[in-house]
Amino acid sequence: MKYLVIGGTGRTGGHAVTQLRDLGHEVVIGTRRPRDEHSRAIDLATPLDPQVFADIDGIIVSVEPPTDDAGADAVMHQGVARLAELAAAQKIPVILVSQIYITRADEHPDMAAIIRARAAGEQALRTSGAPYAIVRPSWLTNAPATGARLEQGDHGDGRISRETVAQAAVAALLHPESHNKTFELYDAPTPVDWPSAFTALTAD
């Protein structure tokens, strides 16, 4: 299969690229500054060329939001919405890496605009008609991968390894049991059986 990882040069997206390639899949990195033939120019803040997705079997979106309010909305809301519309037209699954606190932006006023932009992007993906899963990691660390706990409802707090987040995104891409579901991800000592964990989740 051929997958596109938007943000594949980043710290979390890079893990997803490595994991997919280790599984034998072809991976294209979506980035604002392509480096080689395995990269494509994609900037979520600008209009997207539908041909970029013509030969793609699935997409992971794992991008760092701009720190200014307008930039965050342009990428995490408007950009994700445009991507979702194009993916829906071609029935391409989209796995969106978001964050916890989506429903509790007022608890983090310094990040509220970014959180609200992420929330709007999430909702645009849900209503687009594209197959999707939304992964909401807790606070990210660079520690090695561990087990994980999946929750729903956006009530918790905690930490999670970027490598584990990438594992969750890759598993969601490869297992349709994750489709049309949103879940939070927290560090735990127990390894995850991803298909079983996805099956146990409630659909949006």
Foldseek 3Di string as FASTA:
>chain_A
DEEEEECCVDDLNVLLCVVCVVVPYQYAYEDCDDDDPSYDHDDLLDQDDLVVCVPHQAYEYDDDADQDLVRLLSRQANSLLNVLLSQQVVLHEYEYEAAFCLVPLVVPVSCNSNSVSNNNSVVSNLPNNHWYAYEHEAAEDQDDAAAKDKDDDRDDHAYGYSSNSSVLRNLVNVASLRTQYYIYIHDDRDHDPNSVNSVPGDGD
